[in-house]
N, C-alpha and C. Protein backbone atom coordinates (compact mmCIF):
# COMPACT_ATOMS: atom_id res chain seq x y z
N UNK A 1 9.39 -4.92 15.25
CA UNK A 1 9.32 -3.58 14.37
C UNK A 1 10.24 -2.63 14.99
N UNK A 2 11.53 -2.36 14.16
CA UNK A 2 12.26 -2.02 14.75
C UNK A 2 12.00 0.00 14.35
N UNK A 3 11.03 0.11 12.83
CA UNK A 3 10.84 1.31 12.57
C UNK A 3 10.26 2.07 13.70
N UNK A 4 9.26 1.18 14.55
CA UNK A 4 8.41 2.08 15.71
C UNK A 4 9.24 2.44 16.88
N UNK A 5 9.99 1.64 17.22
CA UNK A 5 11.32 2.19 18.13
C UNK A 5 11.64 3.16 18.19
N UNK A 6 12.37 2.72 16.93
CA UNK A 6 13.20 3.84 16.28
C UNK A 6 12.69 4.94 15.66
N UNK A 7 11.88 5.15 15.46
CA UNK A 7 11.41 6.39 14.70
C UNK A 7 10.12 6.74 15.32
N UNK A 8 9.12 5.92 14.97
CA UNK A 8 7.78 6.54 15.66
C UNK A 8 7.40 6.67 17.12
N UNK A 9 8.00 5.62 17.99
CA UNK A 9 7.89 6.17 19.69
C UNK A 9 8.55 7.25 20.03
N UNK A 10 9.84 7.64 19.55
CA UNK A 10 10.24 9.00 20.34
C UNK A 10 9.67 9.96 19.77
N UNK A 11 9.03 10.24 18.56
CA UNK A 11 8.35 11.20 18.38
C UNK A 11 7.05 11.33 19.05
N UNK A 12 6.37 10.04 19.27
CA UNK A 12 4.97 10.13 19.92
C UNK A 12 4.94 10.67 21.26
N UNK A 13 6.19 9.90 21.79
CA UNK A 13 6.48 10.50 23.61
C UNK A 13 7.16 11.86 23.60
N UNK A 14 7.90 12.54 22.53
CA UNK A 14 8.25 13.82 22.56
C UNK A 14 6.93 14.87 22.34
N UNK A 15 6.03 14.34 21.80
CA UNK A 15 4.88 15.45 21.26
C UNK A 15 4.49 16.17 22.24
N UNK A 16 4.08 15.98 23.90
CA UNK A 16 3.80 16.65 24.30
C UNK A 16 4.61 18.00 24.73
N UNK A 17 5.96 17.63 24.45
CA UNK A 17 6.99 19.23 24.70
C UNK A 17 6.82 20.05 23.19
N UNK A 18 6.66 18.98 22.18
CA UNK A 18 6.78 19.43 20.81
C UNK A 18 5.10 20.69 20.69
N UNK A 19 4.31 20.19 21.36
CA UNK A 19 3.06 21.16 21.11
C UNK A 19 2.91 22.09 22.35
N UNK A 20 3.54 21.80 23.57
CA UNK A 20 3.90 22.91 24.29
C UNK A 20 4.79 24.21 24.00
N UNK A 21 5.60 23.78 22.99
CA UNK A 21 6.50 24.98 22.84
C UNK A 21 6.10 25.30 21.79
N UNK A 22 5.03 25.06 20.90
CA UNK A 22 4.65 25.46 19.73
C UNK A 22 3.02 25.96 20.02
N UNK A 23 2.28 26.23 21.08
CA UNK A 23 1.26 26.57 21.65
C UNK A 23 0.24 25.65 21.09
N UNK A 24 0.51 24.58 21.03
CA UNK A 24 -0.50 23.66 20.90
C UNK A 24 -1.08 23.77 19.29
N UNK A 25 -0.44 24.22 18.68
CA UNK A 25 -0.78 24.48 17.23
C UNK A 25 -0.81 22.98 16.58
N UNK A 26 -1.88 22.77 15.58
CA UNK A 26 -1.97 21.60 14.81
C UNK A 26 -0.64 21.63 13.76
N UNK A 27 0.30 20.74 13.46
CA UNK A 27 1.39 20.98 12.54
C UNK A 27 0.68 20.98 11.05
N UNK A 28 -0.74 20.66 10.86
CA UNK A 28 -0.91 20.90 9.70
C UNK A 28 -1.25 22.79 9.42
N UNK A 29 -1.18 23.29 10.59
CA UNK A 29 -1.81 24.59 10.34
C UNK A 29 -0.52 25.53 10.69
N UNK A 30 0.49 25.13 10.95
CA UNK A 30 1.81 25.56 11.68
C UNK A 30 3.05 25.98 10.87
N UNK A 31 3.61 26.87 10.40
CA UNK A 31 4.95 26.80 9.39
C UNK A 31 5.97 26.47 9.59
N UNK A 32 6.25 26.12 11.30
CA UNK A 32 7.20 25.78 11.55
C UNK A 32 7.79 23.75 11.36
N UNK A 33 8.60 23.35 12.21
CA UNK A 33 8.96 21.81 12.14
C UNK A 33 7.41 21.13 12.28
N UNK A 34 7.38 19.72 11.62
CA UNK A 34 6.24 19.04 12.26
C UNK A 34 7.29 18.25 13.10
N UNK A 35 6.47 17.19 13.87
CA UNK A 35 6.61 16.65 15.20
C UNK A 35 8.24 15.65 14.73
N UNK A 36 8.14 15.23 13.43
CA UNK A 36 9.31 14.40 13.15
C UNK A 36 10.43 15.22 13.21
N UNK A 37 10.41 16.00 12.10
CA UNK A 37 11.47 17.29 12.36
C UNK A 37 12.19 17.74 13.19
N UNK A 38 10.66 18.14 14.27
CA UNK A 38 11.43 18.70 15.74
C UNK A 38 12.40 17.47 16.39
N UNK A 39 11.74 16.57 16.42
CA UNK A 39 12.57 15.44 16.99
C UNK A 39 13.42 15.06 16.77
N UNK A 40 13.80 15.21 15.66
CA UNK A 40 15.25 14.72 15.23
C UNK A 40 15.97 15.43 14.54
N UNK A 41 15.48 16.88 14.99
CA UNK A 41 16.06 18.37 14.45
C UNK A 41 16.38 18.29 13.05
N UNK A 42 15.44 17.98 12.49
CA UNK A 42 15.62 17.49 11.02
C UNK A 42 14.95 18.80 10.33
N UNK A 43 15.62 19.43 9.34
CA UNK A 43 15.21 20.84 8.85
C UNK A 43 14.24 20.50 7.44
N UNK A 44 14.28 19.50 6.71
CA UNK A 44 13.12 19.24 5.54
C UNK A 44 11.86 18.76 6.04
N UNK A 45 10.84 18.98 5.41
CA UNK A 45 9.78 18.38 5.95
C UNK A 45 9.31 17.43 5.30
N UNK A 46 8.50 16.58 5.67
CA UNK A 46 8.12 15.29 5.24
C UNK A 46 8.74 14.29 5.91
N UNK A 47 7.98 12.62 5.99
CA UNK A 47 8.31 11.79 6.55
C UNK A 47 9.17 10.88 5.64
N UNK A 48 9.07 11.20 4.03
CA UNK A 48 9.37 10.60 3.43
C UNK A 48 11.07 11.02 3.07
N UNK A 49 10.87 12.11 3.24
CA UNK A 49 12.36 13.04 2.78
C UNK A 49 13.32 12.87 3.93
N UNK A 50 12.72 12.42 5.09
CA UNK A 50 13.31 11.96 6.34
C UNK A 50 14.23 10.70 5.97
N UNK A 51 13.01 9.65 5.61
CA UNK A 51 13.64 8.25 5.10
C UNK A 51 14.60 8.18 4.19
N UNK A 52 14.36 9.15 3.15
CA UNK A 52 15.48 9.41 1.93
C UNK A 52 16.63 9.80 2.34
N UNK A 53 16.84 10.50 3.62
CA UNK A 53 18.01 10.77 4.15
C UNK A 53 18.84 10.09 4.95
N UNK A 54 18.22 8.57 5.07
CA UNK A 54 18.74 7.83 5.92
C UNK A 54 18.23 6.07 5.05
N UNK A 55 19.06 5.55 4.23
CA UNK A 55 18.78 4.43 3.51
C UNK A 55 18.49 3.63 4.32
N UNK A 56 18.96 3.24 5.11
CA UNK A 56 19.18 2.00 6.55
C UNK A 56 17.94 2.32 7.12
N UNK A 57 17.13 3.36 7.49
CA UNK A 57 15.70 3.60 8.17
C UNK A 57 14.93 3.24 7.05
N UNK A 58 15.20 3.95 5.87
CA UNK A 58 14.25 3.49 4.95
C UNK A 58 14.30 2.07 4.31
N UNK A 59 14.63 1.33 4.05
CA UNK A 59 15.12 -0.16 3.88
C UNK A 59 14.02 -0.83 5.21
N UNK A 60 14.39 -0.11 6.53
CA UNK A 60 13.63 -1.04 7.50
C UNK A 60 12.18 -0.61 7.46
N UNK A 61 12.00 0.72 7.12
CA UNK A 61 10.28 0.87 6.86
C UNK A 61 9.81 0.45 5.93
N UNK A 62 10.52 0.24 4.78
CA UNK A 62 10.02 -0.54 3.62
C UNK A 62 9.55 -2.05 4.20
N UNK A 63 10.45 -2.79 4.71
CA UNK A 63 10.09 -4.01 4.88
C UNK A 63 9.21 -3.98 5.91
N UNK A 64 8.99 -3.17 7.14
CA UNK A 64 7.77 -3.18 8.00
C UNK A 64 6.64 -3.11 7.33
N UNK A 65 6.41 -2.30 6.34
CA UNK A 65 5.20 -2.16 5.29
C UNK A 65 4.76 -3.65 4.86
N UNK A 66 5.75 -4.09 4.37
CA UNK A 66 5.81 -5.34 3.55
C UNK A 66 5.38 -6.37 4.57
N UNK A 67 5.51 -6.50 5.72
CA UNK A 67 5.23 -7.38 6.87
C UNK A 67 3.82 -6.98 7.22
N UNK A 68 3.57 -5.73 7.59
CA UNK A 68 2.52 -5.17 8.11
C UNK A 68 1.14 -5.65 6.91
N UNK A 69 1.59 -5.60 5.41
CA UNK A 69 0.26 -5.94 4.71
C UNK A 69 0.27 -7.57 4.74
N UNK A 70 1.19 -8.53 4.89
CA UNK A 70 1.00 -9.81 5.11
C UNK A 70 0.16 -10.21 6.08
N UNK A 71 0.35 -9.06 7.07
CA UNK A 71 -0.57 -9.54 8.30
C UNK A 71 -2.07 -9.27 7.86
N UNK A 72 -2.47 -8.42 7.40
CA UNK A 72 -3.74 -7.80 7.16
C UNK A 72 -3.86 -7.55 4.83
N UNK A 73 -4.16 -8.89 4.63
CA UNK A 73 -4.16 -8.86 3.26
C UNK A 73 -5.67 -8.39 2.65
N UNK A 74 -5.59 -7.90 1.46
CA UNK A 74 -7.09 -7.08 1.08
C UNK A 74 -7.81 -8.24 0.81
N UNK A 75 -8.96 -8.37 1.90
CA UNK A 75 -9.89 -9.62 2.02
C UNK A 75 -11.13 -8.97 1.59
N UNK A 76 -11.49 -7.50 1.87
CA UNK A 76 -12.68 -7.18 1.92
C UNK A 76 -13.47 -6.91 0.27
N UNK A 77 -12.77 -7.26 -0.78
CA UNK A 77 -13.11 -6.53 -2.16
C UNK A 77 -13.10 -7.95 -2.76
N UNK A 78 -14.38 -8.39 -3.74
CA UNK A 78 -14.54 -9.62 -4.24
C UNK A 78 -13.81 -9.06 -5.69
N UNK A 79 -12.47 -9.36 -5.80
CA UNK A 79 -11.68 -9.07 -7.07
C UNK A 79 -12.42 -9.57 -8.27
N UNK A 80 -12.75 -10.89 -8.28
CA UNK A 80 -13.07 -11.80 -8.98
C UNK A 80 -14.41 -11.35 -9.77
N UNK A 81 -15.18 -11.00 -9.03
CA UNK A 81 -16.66 -10.40 -9.21
C UNK A 81 -16.53 -9.19 -9.97
N UNK A 82 -15.66 -8.26 -9.27
CA UNK A 82 -15.83 -6.75 -9.79
C UNK A 82 -14.97 -6.90 -11.15
N UNK A 83 -13.89 -7.54 -11.11
CA UNK A 83 -13.09 -7.79 -12.74
C UNK A 83 -13.63 -8.63 -13.57
N UNK A 84 -14.80 -9.55 -13.43
CA UNK A 84 -14.99 -10.35 -14.36
C UNK A 84 -15.58 -9.46 -15.65
N UNK A 85 -14.75 -9.92 -16.98
CA UNK A 85 -15.07 -9.12 -17.93
C UNK A 85 -13.52 -8.35 -18.16
N UNK A 86 -13.03 -8.18 -17.43
CA UNK A 86 -11.43 -7.28 -17.63
C UNK A 86 -10.69 -8.09 -18.73
N UNK A 87 -10.07 -7.14 -19.75
CA UNK A 87 -9.30 -8.13 -20.71
C UNK A 87 -7.91 -8.02 -20.15
N UNK A 88 -6.92 -9.17 -20.86
CA UNK A 88 -5.53 -9.13 -20.62
C UNK A 88 -4.96 -7.61 -20.66
N UNK A 89 -5.52 -6.73 -21.36
CA UNK A 89 -4.73 -5.54 -21.90
C UNK A 89 -5.34 -4.34 -20.94
N UNK A 90 -5.96 -4.57 -20.07
CA UNK A 90 -6.89 -3.40 -19.45
C UNK A 90 -6.09 -3.57 -17.99
N UNK A 91 -5.84 -2.35 -17.44
CA UNK A 91 -5.38 -2.13 -16.13
C UNK A 91 -6.70 -2.74 -15.03
N UNK A 92 -6.49 -3.72 -14.42
CA UNK A 92 -7.58 -4.18 -13.67
C UNK A 92 -7.44 -3.63 -12.41
N UNK A 93 -6.12 -3.41 -11.87
CA UNK A 93 -6.10 -2.85 -10.56
C UNK A 93 -4.55 -2.02 -10.38
N UNK A 94 -4.84 -0.73 -10.12
CA UNK A 94 -3.49 0.16 -9.70
C UNK A 94 -3.61 0.06 -8.11
N UNK A 95 -2.47 -0.15 -7.59
CA UNK A 95 -2.02 0.35 -6.31
C UNK A 95 -0.89 1.55 -6.42
N UNK A 96 -1.66 2.60 -5.67
CA UNK A 96 -1.28 3.91 -5.51
C UNK A 96 -0.56 4.09 -4.06
N UNK A 97 0.59 4.24 -4.22
CA UNK A 97 1.31 4.19 -3.05
C UNK A 97 1.43 3.17 -2.24
N UNK A 98 1.54 1.84 -2.79
CA UNK A 98 1.61 0.46 -2.50
C UNK A 98 2.78 -0.18 -1.98
N UNK A 99 3.83 0.35 -2.00
CA UNK A 99 5.11 0.21 -1.05
C UNK A 99 5.68 -0.75 -1.68
N UNK A 100 5.84 -2.06 -1.34
CA UNK A 100 6.75 -3.28 -1.97
C UNK A 100 5.86 -4.09 -2.83
N UNK A 101 4.72 -3.45 -2.77
CA UNK A 101 3.49 -4.45 -4.02
C UNK A 101 2.96 -5.83 -3.33
N UNK A 102 2.78 -5.45 -1.85
CA UNK A 102 2.52 -7.05 -1.21
C UNK A 102 1.02 -7.19 -1.42
N UNK A 103 0.23 -6.29 -1.50
CA UNK A 103 -1.19 -6.35 -1.93
C UNK A 103 -1.60 -6.90 -2.99
N UNK A 104 -0.66 -6.37 -4.00
CA UNK A 104 -1.04 -6.91 -5.67
C UNK A 104 -0.64 -8.19 -5.97
N UNK A 105 0.46 -8.74 -4.65
CA UNK A 105 1.04 -10.09 -4.54
C UNK A 105 -0.22 -11.25 -4.08
N UNK A 106 -0.87 -10.56 -3.21
CA UNK A 106 -2.01 -11.11 -2.36
C UNK A 106 -2.73 -11.44 -3.67
N UNK A 107 -3.39 -10.32 -3.97
CA UNK A 107 -4.51 -10.30 -5.12
C UNK A 107 -4.29 -11.66 -5.92
N UNK A 108 -3.10 -11.28 -6.51
CA UNK A 108 -2.61 -12.44 -7.59
C UNK A 108 -2.67 -13.85 -6.83
N UNK A 109 -2.49 -13.99 -5.65
CA UNK A 109 -2.12 -15.24 -5.09
C UNK A 109 -3.95 -15.66 -4.79
N UNK A 110 -4.70 -14.76 -4.58
CA UNK A 110 -6.19 -15.23 -3.91
C UNK A 110 -7.02 -15.14 -5.27
N UNK A 111 -6.78 -14.66 -6.47
CA UNK A 111 -7.42 -14.69 -7.66
C UNK A 111 -6.35 -14.94 -9.05
N UNK A 112 -5.71 -16.38 -8.99
CA UNK A 112 -5.12 -16.50 -10.17
C UNK A 112 -5.56 -16.77 -11.12
N UNK A 113 -6.58 -16.66 -11.54
CA UNK A 113 -7.39 -16.63 -12.83
C UNK A 113 -7.97 -15.30 -13.31
N UNK A 114 -7.31 -14.13 -12.27
CA UNK A 114 -7.64 -12.80 -12.79
C UNK A 114 -7.10 -12.15 -13.88
N UNK A 115 -8.02 -11.59 -14.74
CA UNK A 115 -7.13 -10.90 -16.12
C UNK A 115 -7.32 -9.65 -15.73
N UNK A 116 -6.04 -9.17 -16.49
CA UNK A 116 -5.74 -7.72 -16.49
C UNK A 116 -4.67 -7.45 -15.71
N UNK A 117 -3.98 -6.27 -16.32
CA UNK A 117 -2.87 -5.83 -15.44
C UNK A 117 -2.58 -5.38 -14.08
N UNK A 118 -1.88 -5.58 -13.54
CA UNK A 118 -1.18 -5.07 -12.17
C UNK A 118 -0.46 -4.42 -12.05
N UNK A 119 -0.76 -2.69 -11.41
CA UNK A 119 0.38 -1.92 -11.74
C UNK A 119 0.37 -1.17 -10.23
N UNK A 120 1.56 -1.34 -9.78
CA UNK A 120 2.32 -0.88 -8.38
C UNK A 120 2.81 0.82 -9.01
N UNK A 121 2.35 1.43 -8.12
CA UNK A 121 2.75 2.83 -8.26
C UNK A 121 3.15 3.34 -6.93
N UNK A 122 4.45 3.88 -6.67
CA UNK A 122 5.19 4.43 -5.32
C UNK A 122 6.08 5.13 -5.95
N UNK A 123 7.03 5.59 -4.56
CA UNK A 123 8.18 6.58 -5.15
C UNK A 123 9.25 5.49 -5.43
N UNK A 124 10.11 6.46 -6.05
CA UNK A 124 11.57 6.00 -6.83
C UNK A 124 11.98 4.74 -5.48
N UNK A 125 12.28 4.87 -4.58
CA UNK A 125 12.86 4.01 -3.62
C UNK A 125 12.18 2.30 -3.55
N UNK A 126 10.86 2.58 -3.22
CA UNK A 126 10.03 1.29 -3.17
C UNK A 126 10.25 0.48 -4.75
N UNK A 127 9.85 1.58 -5.64
CA UNK A 127 9.59 0.76 -6.95
C UNK A 127 11.29 0.20 -7.60
N UNK A 128 12.34 0.77 -6.99
CA UNK A 128 13.58 0.20 -7.24
C UNK A 128 13.31 -1.02 -6.46
N UNK A 129 13.25 -1.00 -5.39
CA UNK A 129 13.18 -2.25 -4.34
C UNK A 129 12.46 -3.50 -4.81
N UNK A 130 11.66 -3.22 -5.34
CA UNK A 130 10.35 -4.23 -5.70
C UNK A 130 10.55 -4.66 -7.08
N UNK A 131 10.89 -4.11 -8.17
CA UNK A 131 10.74 -4.05 -9.32
C UNK A 131 11.10 -5.28 -10.02
N UNK A 132 12.50 -5.93 -9.63
CA UNK A 132 12.63 -7.04 -10.11
C UNK A 132 11.64 -8.10 -9.86
N UNK A 133 11.34 -8.35 -8.35
CA UNK A 133 10.90 -9.51 -8.14
C UNK A 133 9.17 -9.46 -8.28
N UNK A 134 8.75 -8.19 -8.70
CA UNK A 134 7.54 -8.19 -9.21
C UNK A 134 7.36 -8.40 -10.76
N UNK A 135 8.54 -8.03 -11.47
CA UNK A 135 8.39 -8.24 -12.71
C UNK A 135 8.21 -9.92 -13.12
N UNK A 136 9.11 -10.74 -12.09
CA UNK A 136 8.86 -12.16 -12.34
C UNK A 136 7.18 -12.83 -11.88
N UNK A 137 6.32 -11.96 -11.41
CA UNK A 137 5.19 -12.62 -11.16
C UNK A 137 4.17 -11.53 -12.06
N UNK A 138 5.02 -10.79 -13.25
CA UNK A 138 4.23 -9.97 -14.12
C UNK A 138 3.25 -8.59 -13.63
N UNK A 139 3.74 -8.36 -12.45
CA UNK A 139 3.25 -7.10 -11.97
C UNK A 139 4.10 -6.05 -12.45
N UNK A 140 3.40 -5.08 -13.18
CA UNK A 140 3.93 -3.73 -13.72
C UNK A 140 4.80 -2.51 -12.36
N UNK A 141 5.44 -2.03 -12.77
CA UNK A 141 5.60 -0.60 -11.59
C UNK A 141 5.83 0.54 -12.34
N UNK A 142 5.27 1.51 -11.42
CA UNK A 142 5.59 2.83 -12.10
C UNK A 142 6.02 3.72 -10.93
N UNK A 143 7.06 4.60 -10.91
CA UNK A 143 7.41 5.42 -10.24
C UNK A 143 6.22 6.64 -10.25
N UNK A 144 5.66 7.14 -9.12
CA UNK A 144 4.50 8.00 -9.49
C UNK A 144 4.21 8.42 -7.82
N UNK A 145 4.13 9.87 -8.12
CA UNK A 145 4.19 11.04 -6.72
C UNK A 145 2.48 11.28 -6.64
N UNK A 146 1.61 10.35 -5.72
CA UNK A 146 0.36 10.61 -5.70
C UNK A 146 -0.25 11.96 -5.58
N UNK A 147 0.67 13.34 -5.27
CA UNK A 147 0.49 14.39 -5.52
C UNK A 147 0.25 15.05 -6.90
N UNK A 148 0.66 14.47 -7.87
CA UNK A 148 0.93 14.56 -9.37
C UNK A 148 -0.51 14.15 -9.95
N UNK A 149 -0.90 14.57 -11.46
CA UNK A 149 -1.72 13.94 -11.71
C UNK A 149 -1.46 12.45 -12.34
N UNK A 150 -2.54 11.55 -12.10
CA UNK A 150 -2.50 10.23 -12.38
C UNK A 150 -2.22 10.11 -13.68
N UNK A 151 -0.84 9.22 -14.03
CA UNK A 151 -0.88 9.29 -15.32
C UNK A 151 -1.65 7.92 -16.22
N UNK A 152 -2.35 7.11 -15.17
CA UNK A 152 -2.82 6.21 -15.84
C UNK A 152 -4.72 5.94 -15.97
N UNK A 153 -4.88 6.29 -17.20
CA UNK A 153 -6.28 6.24 -17.45
C UNK A 153 -7.02 5.44 -18.01
N UNK A 154 -8.23 4.93 -18.08
CA UNK A 154 -8.74 4.17 -18.30
C UNK A 154 -9.09 2.66 -17.38
N UNK A 155 -8.73 2.70 -16.12
CA UNK A 155 -8.49 1.42 -15.27
C UNK A 155 -9.54 0.71 -15.30
N UNK A 156 -9.82 -0.40 -15.84
CA UNK A 156 -10.88 -1.18 -15.72
C UNK A 156 -12.12 -1.19 -14.60
N UNK A 157 -11.22 -1.47 -13.04
CA UNK A 157 -12.09 -1.37 -11.99
C UNK A 157 -11.52 -0.76 -11.07
N UNK A 158 -10.57 -0.65 -10.59
CA UNK A 158 -10.14 -0.11 -9.26
C UNK A 158 -8.62 0.60 -9.17
N UNK A 159 -8.37 1.45 -8.53
CA UNK A 159 -7.53 1.91 -8.22
C UNK A 159 -7.44 2.36 -6.56
N UNK A 160 -6.49 1.73 -5.96
CA UNK A 160 -6.59 1.76 -4.41
C UNK A 160 -5.25 2.56 -3.67
N UNK A 161 -5.66 3.23 -2.47
CA UNK A 161 -4.11 3.54 -1.74
C UNK A 161 -4.19 2.49 -0.50
N UNK A 162 -3.00 1.72 -0.75
CA UNK A 162 -2.91 0.67 0.12
C UNK A 162 -2.00 1.53 1.56
N UNK A 163 -1.23 2.42 1.39
CA UNK A 163 -0.54 2.49 2.57
C UNK A 163 -0.44 4.35 2.81
N UNK A 164 -1.56 4.74 2.11
CA UNK A 164 -1.34 6.10 2.01
C UNK A 164 -2.01 6.85 3.01
N UNK A 165 -1.60 6.97 4.46
CA UNK A 165 -2.30 7.24 5.42
C UNK A 165 -1.17 8.00 6.31
N UNK A 166 -1.21 9.18 5.71
CA UNK A 166 0.09 10.09 6.37
C UNK A 166 -0.58 11.57 6.46
N UNK A 167 0.04 12.21 7.35
CA UNK A 167 -0.02 13.66 7.89
C UNK A 167 0.52 14.46 6.92
N UNK A 168 -0.08 14.93 6.09
CA UNK A 168 0.72 15.85 5.13
C UNK A 168 0.41 17.06 5.53
N UNK A 169 1.69 17.67 5.08
CA UNK A 169 1.51 19.51 5.18
C UNK A 169 0.63 20.19 4.37
N UNK A 170 0.14 21.30 4.66
CA UNK A 170 -0.87 21.91 4.37
C UNK A 170 -0.75 22.37 2.97
N UNK A 171 0.38 22.52 2.16
CA UNK A 171 0.65 22.92 0.90
C UNK A 171 0.48 21.43 0.32
N UNK A 172 0.27 20.37 0.80
CA UNK A 172 0.27 18.96 -0.23
C UNK A 172 -1.07 18.28 -0.14
N UNK A 173 -1.79 19.02 0.68
CA UNK A 173 -3.39 18.46 1.29
C UNK A 173 -4.49 19.15 0.23
């Protein structure tokens, strides 16, 4: 997983210096650069802004997220039982921030008789990369920033956040 050695490990390894230089302040409560921006001498805030500026790194990250989910599919939820009674027109599952749609693909494979629509929501990059592949499987896509109001109303059963495990700046939390 090249994104770990290329992006995350250098940031983690430099974190002691980062915190020492910034008075051991939590980046959430510090108006300067977060550790990623500090290490790469990057002016903009946010991991996805960083990736957006480097399409090759963004592609590697998206691929890594896809592989990660293949190793840990959504097994802990009984979709067949929970979605019993869902109609073809209902949104059955909305995966918010779901990357390349791998969790929805896994749900579709495990529950082939599942009724209802599956929707992947993420930022523009992952949606563009996954849209054609997912359309062949009848999985819908929608560009959506989960910091904005959720446009899908009336989901039959479940909205979930597959990969929304990020450390956000205070104005976004």
